[in-house]
């Protein structure tokens, strides 16, 4: 991942992704943001697979992380049930 000039100094940053599998990409992005001066970095995803060393990587590199409940885990803190139900009602 190539570092870019980011204006994150002193900011709280959220990285939002569709899938976190091993956590490698999120960990590298978080570390880059912190080197650029981000005060805190959080990761959120739709589908949290959390394979292998993912939890350890995310715990070390971010200030917190969470996922939706599309794949149940103890990190499923965001429910998508209401959105799915609403969409089904409209169809």
PDB file of N, CA and C in Angstrom:
ATOM      1  N   UNK A   1       0.851  -1.162   0.000  1.00  0.00           N
ATOM      2  CA  UNK A   1       0.000   0.000   0.000  1.00  0.00           C
ATOM      3  C   UNK A   1       0.903   1.233   0.000  1.00  0.00           C
ATOM      4  N   UNK A   2       0.677   2.108  -0.927  1.00  0.00           N
ATOM      5  CA  UNK A   2       1.481   3.317  -1.024  1.00  0.00           C
ATOM      6  C   UNK A   2       0.880   4.412  -0.158  1.00  0.00           C
ATOM      7  N   UNK A   3       1.722   5.031   0.639  1.00  0.00           N
ATOM      8  CA  UNK A   3       1.214   6.089   1.518  1.00  0.00           C
ATOM      9  C   UNK A   3       0.895   7.339   0.727  1.00  0.00           C
ATOM     10  N   UNK A   4      -0.159   8.002   1.103  1.00  0.00           N
ATOM     11  CA  UNK A   4      -0.602   9.237   0.474  1.00  0.00           C
ATOM     12  C   UNK A   4      -0.567  10.345   1.509  1.00  0.00           C
ATOM     13  N   UNK A   5      -0.592  11.565   1.036  1.00  0.00           N
ATOM     14  CA  UNK A   5      -0.670  12.705   1.945  1.00  0.00           C
ATOM     15  C   UNK A   5      -2.094  12.767   2.482  1.00  0.00           C
ATOM     16  N   UNK A   6      -2.249  12.462   3.740  1.00  0.00           N
ATOM     17  CA  UNK A   6      -3.568  12.445   4.357  1.00  0.00           C
ATOM     18  C   UNK A   6      -3.660  13.538   5.414  1.00  0.00           C
ATOM     19  N   UNK A   7      -4.816  14.120   5.545  1.00  0.00           N
ATOM     20  CA  UNK A   7      -5.032  15.188   6.524  1.00  0.00           C
ATOM     21  C   UNK A   7      -5.829  14.616   7.692  1.00  0.00           C
ATOM     22  N   UNK A   8      -5.161  13.785   8.478  1.00  0.00           N
ATOM     23  CA  UNK A   8      -5.832  13.090   9.578  1.00  0.00           C
ATOM     24  C   UNK A   8      -5.250  13.436  10.946  1.00  0.00           C
ATOM     25  N   UNK A   9      -4.309  14.334  10.978  1.00  0.00           N
ATOM     26  CA  UNK A   9      -3.649  14.663  12.243  1.00  0.00           C
ATOM     27  C   UNK A   9      -4.678  15.076  13.300  1.00  0.00           C
ATOM     28  N   UNK A  10      -4.642  14.364  14.440  1.00  0.00           N
ATOM     29  CA  UNK A  10      -5.536  14.656  15.553  1.00  0.00           C
ATOM     30  C   UNK A  10      -6.972  14.206  15.361  1.00  0.00           C
ATOM     31  N   UNK A  11      -7.272  13.497  14.283  1.00  0.00           N
ATOM     32  CA  UNK A  11      -8.642  13.095  13.977  1.00  0.00           C
ATOM     33  C   UNK A  11      -8.917  11.653  14.396  1.00  0.00           C
ATOM     34  N   UNK A  12     -10.195  11.351  14.584  1.00  0.00           N
ATOM     35  CA  UNK A  12     -10.660   9.974  14.750  1.00  0.00           C
ATOM     36  C   UNK A  12     -11.099   9.518  13.368  1.00  0.00           C
ATOM     37  N   UNK A  13     -10.561   8.382  12.931  1.00  0.00           N
ATOM     38  CA  UNK A  13     -10.801   7.913  11.570  1.00  0.00           C
ATOM     39  C   UNK A  13     -11.507   6.559  11.610  1.00  0.00           C
ATOM     40  N   UNK A  14     -12.468   6.377  10.708  1.00  0.00           N
ATOM     41  CA  UNK A  14     -13.142   5.088  10.557  1.00  0.00           C
ATOM     42  C   UNK A  14     -12.793   4.520   9.189  1.00  0.00           C
ATOM     43  N   UNK A  15     -12.336   3.286   9.192  1.00  0.00           N
ATOM     44  CA  UNK A  15     -12.113   2.556   7.943  1.00  0.00           C
ATOM     45  C   UNK A  15     -13.319   1.643   7.771  1.00  0.00           C
ATOM     46  N   UNK A  16     -14.022   1.774   6.662  1.00  0.00           N
ATOM     47  CA  UNK A  16     -15.206   0.965   6.410  1.00  0.00           C
ATOM     48  C   UNK A  16     -14.918   0.068   5.215  1.00  0.00           C
ATOM     49  N   UNK A  17     -15.148  -1.231   5.395  1.00  0.00           N
ATOM     50  CA  UNK A  17     -14.861  -2.199   4.343  1.00  0.00           C
ATOM     51  C   UNK A  17     -16.014  -3.188   4.243  1.00  0.00           C
ATOM     52  N   UNK A  18     -16.097  -3.872   3.124  1.00  0.00           N
ATOM     53  CA  UNK A  18     -17.156  -4.863   2.984  1.00  0.00           C
ATOM     54  C   UNK A  18     -16.830  -6.135   3.757  1.00  0.00           C
ATOM     55  N   UNK A  19     -15.597  -6.632   3.644  1.00  0.00           N
ATOM     56  CA  UNK A  19     -15.213  -7.880   4.305  1.00  0.00           C
ATOM     57  C   UNK A  19     -13.876  -7.696   5.015  1.00  0.00           C
ATOM     58  N   UNK A  20     -13.806  -8.146   6.254  1.00  0.00           N
ATOM     59  CA  UNK A  20     -12.506  -8.286   6.920  1.00  0.00           C
ATOM     60  C   UNK A  20     -12.303  -9.774   7.098  1.00  0.00           C
ATOM     61  N   UNK A  21     -11.264 -10.277   6.468  1.00  0.00           N
ATOM     62  CA  UNK A  21     -10.983 -11.698   6.562  1.00  0.00           C
ATOM     63  C   UNK A  21      -9.805 -11.922   7.496  1.00  0.00           C
ATOM     64  N   UNK A  22      -8.585 -11.668   7.069  1.00  0.00           N
ATOM     65  CA  UNK A  22      -7.435 -11.883   7.956  1.00  0.00           C
ATOM     66  C   UNK A  22      -7.015 -10.610   8.682  1.00  0.00           C
ATOM     67  N   UNK A  23      -7.557  -9.470   8.277  1.00  0.00           N
ATOM     68  CA  UNK A  23      -7.243  -8.203   8.934  1.00  0.00           C
ATOM     69  C   UNK A  23      -5.969  -7.528   8.459  1.00  0.00           C
ATOM     70  N   UNK A  24      -5.262  -8.134   7.520  1.00  0.00           N
ATOM     71  CA  UNK A  24      -3.989  -7.577   7.065  1.00  0.00           C
ATOM     72  C   UNK A  24      -4.112  -6.211   6.425  1.00  0.00           C
ATOM     73  N   UNK A  25      -5.057  -6.040   5.538  1.00  0.00           N
ATOM     74  CA  UNK A  25      -5.221  -4.759   4.845  1.00  0.00           C
ATOM     75  C   UNK A  25      -5.637  -3.668   5.825  1.00  0.00           C
ATOM     76  N   UNK A  26      -6.569  -3.975   6.706  1.00  0.00           N
ATOM     77  CA  UNK A  26      -7.017  -2.994   7.700  1.00  0.00           C
ATOM     78  C   UNK A  26      -5.866  -2.622   8.627  1.00  0.00           C
ATOM     79  N   UNK A  27      -5.078  -3.602   9.056  1.00  0.00           N
ATOM     80  CA  UNK A  27      -3.943  -3.331   9.950  1.00  0.00           C
ATOM     81  C   UNK A  27      -2.944  -2.397   9.275  1.00  0.00           C
ATOM     82  N   UNK A  28      -2.618  -2.662   8.012  1.00  0.00           N
ATOM     83  CA  UNK A  28      -1.664  -1.792   7.297  1.00  0.00           C
ATOM     84  C   UNK A  28      -2.227  -0.387   7.119  1.00  0.00           C
ATOM     85  N   UNK A  29      -3.514  -0.289   6.774  1.00  0.00           N
ATOM     86  CA  UNK A  29      -4.141   1.022   6.603  1.00  0.00           C
ATOM     87  C   UNK A  29      -4.170   1.787   7.922  1.00  0.00           C
ATOM     88  N   UNK A  30      -4.499   1.108   9.007  1.00  0.00           N
ATOM     89  CA  UNK A  30      -4.546   1.739  10.322  1.00  0.00           C
ATOM     90  C   UNK A  30      -3.173   2.254  10.739  1.00  0.00           C
ATOM     91  N   UNK A  31      -2.172   1.426  10.535  1.00  0.00           N
ATOM     92  CA  UNK A  31      -0.808   1.847  10.880  1.00  0.00           C
ATOM     93  C   UNK A  31      -0.386   3.061  10.060  1.00  0.00           C
ATOM     94  N   UNK A  32      -0.744   3.090   8.774  1.00  0.00           N
ATOM     95  CA  UNK A  32      -0.430   4.232   7.920  1.00  0.00           C
ATOM     96  C   UNK A  32      -1.143   5.492   8.423  1.00  0.00           C
ATOM     97  N   UNK A  33      -2.407   5.359   8.793  1.00  0.00           N
ATOM     98  CA  UNK A  33      -3.158   6.502   9.307  1.00  0.00           C
ATOM     99  C   UNK A  33      -2.552   7.027  10.603  1.00  0.00           C
ATOM    100  N   UNK A  34      -2.142   6.122  11.482  1.00  0.00           N
ATOM    101  CA  UNK A  34      -1.529   6.555  12.742  1.00  0.00           C
ATOM    102  C   UNK A  34      -0.187   7.239  12.503  1.00  0.00           C
ATOM    103  N   UNK A  35       0.602   6.732  11.545  1.00  0.00           N
ATOM    104  CA  UNK A  35       1.859   7.406  11.199  1.00  0.00           C
ATOM    105  C   UNK A  35       1.601   8.797  10.632  1.00  0.00           C
ATOM    106  N   UNK A  36       0.431   8.963  10.011  1.00  0.00           N
ATOM    107  CA  UNK A  36       0.054  10.266   9.446  1.00  0.00           C
ATOM    108  C   UNK A  36      -0.564  11.181  10.489  1.00  0.00           C
ATOM    109  N   UNK A  37      -0.657  10.716  11.736  1.00  0.00           N
ATOM    110  CA  UNK A  37      -1.112  11.569  12.825  1.00  0.00           C
ATOM    111  C   UNK A  37      -2.522  11.336  13.321  1.00  0.00           C
ATOM    112  N   UNK A  38      -3.212  10.321  12.817  1.00  0.00           N
ATOM    113  CA  UNK A  38      -4.570  10.050  13.304  1.00  0.00           C
ATOM    114  C   UNK A  38      -4.532   9.762  14.799  1.00  0.00           C
ATOM    115  N   UNK A  39      -5.447  10.353  15.524  1.00  0.00           N
ATOM    116  CA  UNK A  39      -5.516  10.160  16.972  1.00  0.00           C
ATOM    117  C   UNK A  39      -6.036   8.764  17.301  1.00  0.00           C
ATOM    118  N   UNK A  40      -7.094   8.342  16.598  1.00  0.00           N
ATOM    119  CA  UNK A  40      -7.694   7.025  16.802  1.00  0.00           C
ATOM    120  C   UNK A  40      -8.138   6.484  15.449  1.00  0.00           C
ATOM    121  N   UNK A  41      -8.070   5.156  15.298  1.00  0.00           N
ATOM    122  CA  UNK A  41      -8.525   4.507  14.067  1.00  0.00           C
ATOM    123  C   UNK A  41      -9.431   3.340  14.438  1.00  0.00           C
ATOM    124  N   UNK A  42     -10.633   3.331  13.855  1.00  0.00           N
ATOM    125  CA  UNK A  42     -11.609   2.278  14.078  1.00  0.00           C
ATOM    126  C   UNK A  42     -11.901   1.585  12.751  1.00  0.00           C
ATOM    127  N   UNK A  43     -12.210   0.304  12.801  1.00  0.00           N
ATOM    128  CA  UNK A  43     -12.539  -0.453  11.594  1.00  0.00           C
ATOM    129  C   UNK A  43     -13.951  -1.004  11.714  1.00  0.00           C
ATOM    130  N   UNK A  44     -14.708  -0.885  10.643  1.00  0.00           N
ATOM    131  CA  UNK A  44     -16.066  -1.412  10.585  1.00  0.00           C
ATOM    132  C   UNK A  44     -16.221  -2.178   9.284  1.00  0.00           C
ATOM    133  N   UNK A  45     -16.964  -3.284   9.333  1.00  0.00           N
ATOM    134  CA  UNK A  45     -17.174  -4.040   8.102  1.00  0.00           C
ATOM    135  C   UNK A  45     -18.572  -4.634   8.080  1.00  0.00           C
ATOM    136  N   UNK A  46     -18.997  -4.982   6.879  1.00  0.00           N
ATOM    137  CA  UNK A  46     -20.278  -5.645   6.715  1.00  0.00           C
ATOM    138  C   UNK A  46     -20.168  -7.118   7.093  1.00  0.00           C
ATOM    139  N   UNK A  47     -19.157  -7.787   6.544  1.00  0.00           N
ATOM    140  CA  UNK A  47     -18.985  -9.216   6.774  1.00  0.00           C
ATOM    141  C   UNK A  47     -17.676  -9.468   7.511  1.00  0.00           C
ATOM    142  N   UNK A  48     -17.753  -9.814   8.766  1.00  0.00           N
ATOM    143  CA  UNK A  48     -16.560 -10.082   9.568  1.00  0.00           C
ATOM    144  C   UNK A  48     -16.251 -11.568   9.590  1.00  0.00           C
ATOM    145  N   UNK A  49     -15.294 -11.987   8.789  1.00  0.00           N
ATOM    146  CA  UNK A  49     -14.895 -13.396   8.780  1.00  0.00           C
ATOM    147  C   UNK A  49     -13.893 -13.686   9.894  1.00  0.00           C
ATOM    148  N   UNK A  50     -12.959 -12.770  10.125  1.00  0.00           N
ATOM    149  CA  UNK A  50     -11.967 -12.860  11.201  1.00  0.00           C
ATOM    150  C   UNK A  50     -11.255 -14.214  11.218  1.00  0.00           C
ATOM    151  N   UNK A  51     -10.522 -14.482  10.153  1.00  0.00           N
ATOM    152  CA  UNK A  51      -9.812 -15.744   9.963  1.00  0.00           C
ATOM    153  C   UNK A  51      -8.392 -15.656  10.530  1.00  0.00           C
ATOM    154  N   UNK A  52      -7.944 -16.751  11.099  1.00  0.00           N
ATOM    155  CA  UNK A  52      -6.556 -16.844  11.579  1.00  0.00           C
ATOM    156  C   UNK A  52      -6.224 -15.750  12.576  1.00  0.00           C
ATOM    157  N   UNK A  53      -5.159 -14.974  12.289  1.00  0.00           N
ATOM    158  CA  UNK A  53      -4.697 -13.952  13.245  1.00  0.00           C
ATOM    159  C   UNK A  53      -5.438 -12.621  13.155  1.00  0.00           C
ATOM    160  N   UNK A  54      -6.607 -12.596  12.528  1.00  0.00           N
ATOM    161  CA  UNK A  54      -7.309 -11.327  12.304  1.00  0.00           C
ATOM    162  C   UNK A  54      -7.575 -10.550  13.590  1.00  0.00           C
ATOM    163  N   UNK A  55      -8.098 -11.203  14.602  1.00  0.00           N
ATOM    164  CA  UNK A  55      -8.452 -10.498  15.843  1.00  0.00           C
ATOM    165  C   UNK A  55      -7.210  -9.890  16.478  1.00  0.00           C
ATOM    166  N   UNK A  56      -6.135 -10.650  16.530  1.00  0.00           N
ATOM    167  CA  UNK A  56      -4.879 -10.136  17.093  1.00  0.00           C
ATOM    168  C   UNK A  56      -4.378  -8.940  16.288  1.00  0.00           C
ATOM    169  N   UNK A  57      -4.411  -9.029  14.965  1.00  0.00           N
ATOM    170  CA  UNK A  57      -3.965  -7.913  14.115  1.00  0.00           C
ATOM    171  C   UNK A  57      -4.810  -6.672  14.347  1.00  0.00           C
ATOM    172  N   UNK A  58      -6.117  -6.844  14.381  1.00  0.00           N
ATOM    173  CA  UNK A  58      -7.010  -5.705  14.554  1.00  0.00           C
ATOM    174  C   UNK A  58      -6.884  -5.098  15.945  1.00  0.00           C
ATOM    175  N   UNK A  59      -6.710  -5.934  16.944  1.00  0.00           N
ATOM    176  CA  UNK A  59      -6.558  -5.451  18.318  1.00  0.00           C
ATOM    177  C   UNK A  59      -5.284  -4.621  18.458  1.00  0.00           C
ATOM    178  N   UNK A  60      -4.221  -5.061  17.824  1.00  0.00           N
ATOM    179  CA  UNK A  60      -2.943  -4.343  17.902  1.00  0.00           C
ATOM    180  C   UNK A  60      -2.927  -3.055  17.081  1.00  0.00           C
ATOM    181  N   UNK A  61      -3.624  -3.058  15.939  1.00  0.00           N
ATOM    182  CA  UNK A  61      -3.472  -1.940  15.010  1.00  0.00           C
ATOM    183  C   UNK A  61      -4.586  -0.898  15.081  1.00  0.00           C
ATOM    184  N   UNK A  62      -5.746  -1.244  15.629  1.00  0.00           N
ATOM    185  CA  UNK A  62      -6.851  -0.285  15.675  1.00  0.00           C
ATOM    186  C   UNK A  62      -7.236   0.025  17.118  1.00  0.00           C
ATOM    187  N   UNK A  63      -8.065   1.039  17.258  1.00  0.00           N
ATOM    188  CA  UNK A  63      -8.587   1.394  18.576  1.00  0.00           C
ATOM    189  C   UNK A  63      -9.922   0.714  18.841  1.00  0.00           C
ATOM    190  N   UNK A  64     -10.392  -0.040  17.868  1.00  0.00           N
ATOM    191  CA  UNK A  64     -11.624  -0.787  18.007  1.00  0.00           C
ATOM    192  C   UNK A  64     -12.128  -1.210  16.646  1.00  0.00           C
ATOM    193  N   UNK A  65     -12.935  -2.271  16.635  1.00  0.00           N
ATOM    194  CA  UNK A  65     -13.498  -2.741  15.371  1.00  0.00           C
ATOM    195  C   UNK A  65     -14.824  -3.430  15.645  1.00  0.00           C
ATOM    196  N   UNK A  66     -15.678  -3.438  14.622  1.00  0.00           N
ATOM    197  CA  UNK A  66     -16.975  -4.084  14.739  1.00  0.00           C
ATOM    198  C   UNK A  66     -17.468  -4.478  13.359  1.00  0.00           C
ATOM    199  N   UNK A  67     -18.488  -5.340  13.367  1.00  0.00           N
ATOM    200  CA  UNK A  67     -19.067  -5.843  12.129  1.00  0.00           C
ATOM    201  C   UNK A  67     -20.577  -5.844  12.244  1.00  0.00           C
ATOM    202  N   UNK A  68     -21.235  -6.040  11.110  1.00  0.00           N
ATOM    203  CA  UNK A  68     -22.683  -6.246  11.154  1.00  0.00           C
ATOM    204  C   UNK A  68     -22.942  -7.698  11.534  1.00  0.00           C
ATOM    205  N   UNK A  69     -24.209  -8.038  11.651  1.00  0.00           N
ATOM    206  CA  UNK A  69     -24.579  -9.399  12.031  1.00  0.00           C
ATOM    207  C   UNK A  69     -24.857 -10.311  10.835  1.00  0.00           C
ATOM    208  N   UNK A  70     -24.329  -9.975   9.660  1.00  0.00           N
ATOM    209  CA  UNK A  70     -24.514 -10.857   8.502  1.00  0.00           C
ATOM    210  C   UNK A  70     -23.777 -12.172   8.696  1.00  0.00           C
ATOM    211  N   UNK A  71     -22.689 -12.140   9.434  1.00  0.00           N
ATOM    212  CA  UNK A  71     -21.967 -13.339   9.869  1.00  0.00           C
ATOM    213  C   UNK A  71     -21.802 -13.174  11.371  1.00  0.00           C
ATOM    214  N   UNK A  72     -22.512 -13.965  12.148  1.00  0.00           N
ATOM    215  CA  UNK A  72     -22.515 -13.801  13.606  1.00  0.00           C
ATOM    216  C   UNK A  72     -21.150 -14.065  14.231  1.00  0.00           C
ATOM    217  N   UNK A  73     -20.749 -13.148  15.091  1.00  0.00           N
ATOM    218  CA  UNK A  73     -19.546 -13.315  15.910  1.00  0.00           C
ATOM    219  C   UNK A  73     -19.714 -12.395  17.112  1.00  0.00           C
ATOM    220  N   UNK A  74     -18.789 -12.469  18.047  1.00  0.00           N
ATOM    221  CA  UNK A  74     -18.908 -11.579  19.207  1.00  0.00           C
ATOM    222  C   UNK A  74     -18.620 -10.127  18.834  1.00  0.00           C
ATOM    223  N   UNK A  75     -18.173  -9.882  17.587  1.00  0.00           N
ATOM    224  CA  UNK A  75     -17.904  -8.531  17.113  1.00  0.00           C
ATOM    225  C   UNK A  75     -19.055  -7.984  16.274  1.00  0.00           C
ATOM    226  N   UNK A  76     -20.158  -8.746  16.170  1.00  0.00           N
ATOM    227  CA  UNK A  76     -21.345  -8.323  15.420  1.00  0.00           C
ATOM    228  C   UNK A  76     -22.137  -7.345  16.272  1.00  0.00           C
ATOM    229  N   UNK A  77     -21.852  -6.078  16.103  1.00  0.00           N
ATOM    230  CA  UNK A  77     -22.485  -5.057  16.934  1.00  0.00           C
ATOM    231  C   UNK A  77     -23.531  -4.229  16.188  1.00  0.00           C
ATOM    232  N   UNK A  78     -23.621  -4.427  14.877  1.00  0.00           N
ATOM    233  CA  UNK A  78     -24.543  -3.635  14.070  1.00  0.00           C
ATOM    234  C   UNK A  78     -25.522  -4.586  13.393  1.00  0.00           C
ATOM    235  N   UNK A  79     -26.813  -4.426  13.659  1.00  0.00           N
ATOM    236  CA  UNK A  79     -27.823  -5.297  13.066  1.00  0.00           C
ATOM    237  C   UNK A  79     -28.300  -4.729  11.730  1.00  0.00           C
ATOM    238  N   UNK A  80     -28.411  -5.590  10.737  1.00  0.00           N
ATOM    239  CA  UNK A  80     -28.948  -5.193   9.443  1.00  0.00           C
ATOM    240  C   UNK A  80     -30.368  -5.718   9.254  1.00  0.00           C
ATOM    241  N   UNK A  81     -30.925  -6.347  10.271  1.00  0.00           N
ATOM    242  CA  UNK A  81     -32.239  -6.971  10.179  1.00  0.00           C
ATOM    243  C   UNK A  81     -33.319  -5.965   9.766  1.00  0.00           C
ATOM    244  N   UNK A  82     -33.333  -4.797  10.351  1.00  0.00           N
ATOM    245  CA  UNK A  82     -34.347  -3.786  10.020  1.00  0.00           C
ATOM    246  C   UNK A  82     -34.279  -3.368   8.565  1.00  0.00           C
ATOM    247  N   UNK A  83     -33.088  -3.180   8.062  1.00  0.00           N
ATOM    248  CA  UNK A  83     -32.903  -2.783   6.663  1.00  0.00           C
ATOM    249  C   UNK A  83     -33.374  -3.890   5.719  1.00  0.00           C
ATOM    250  N   UNK A  84     -33.031  -5.128   6.028  1.00  0.00           N
ATOM    251  CA  UNK A  84     -33.455  -6.263   5.206  1.00  0.00           C
ATOM    252  C   UNK A  84     -34.981  -6.388   5.232  1.00  0.00           C
ATOM    253  N   UNK A  85     -35.577  -6.285   6.400  1.00  0.00           N
ATOM    254  CA  UNK A  85     -37.033  -6.387   6.524  1.00  0.00           C
ATOM    255  C   UNK A  85     -37.729  -5.278   5.732  1.00  0.00           C
ATOM    256  N   UNK A  86     -37.236  -4.077   5.838  1.00  0.00           N
ATOM    257  CA  UNK A  86     -37.823  -2.948   5.116  1.00  0.00           C
ATOM    258  C   UNK A  86     -37.742  -3.171   3.609  1.00  0.00           C
ATOM    259  N   UNK A  87     -36.620  -3.633   3.152  1.00  0.00           N
ATOM    260  CA  UNK A  87     -36.435  -3.901   1.715  1.00  0.00           C
ATOM    261  C   UNK A  87     -37.399  -5.005   1.246  1.00  0.00           C
ATOM    262  N   UNK A  88     -37.569  -6.039   2.031  1.00  0.00           N
ATOM    263  CA  UNK A  88     -38.483  -7.119   1.670  1.00  0.00           C
ATOM    264  C   UNK A  88     -39.937  -6.635   1.620  1.00  0.00           C
ATOM    265  N   UNK A  89     -40.289  -5.726   2.531  1.00  0.00           N
ATOM    266  CA  UNK A  89     -41.651  -5.162   2.531  1.00  0.00           C
ATOM    267  C   UNK A  89     -41.915  -4.390   1.248  1.00  0.00           C
ATOM    268  N   UNK A  90     -40.904  -3.698   0.748  1.00  0.00           N
ATOM    269  CA  UNK A  90     -41.071  -2.875  -0.462  1.00  0.00           C
ATOM    270  C   UNK A  90     -41.135  -3.711  -1.732  1.00  0.00           C
ATOM    271  N   UNK A  91     -40.602  -4.909  -1.707  1.00  0.00           N
ATOM    272  CA  UNK A  91     -40.539  -5.766  -2.917  1.00  0.00           C
ATOM    273  C   UNK A  91     -41.824  -6.426  -3.210  1.00  0.00           C
TER     274      UNK A  91
END
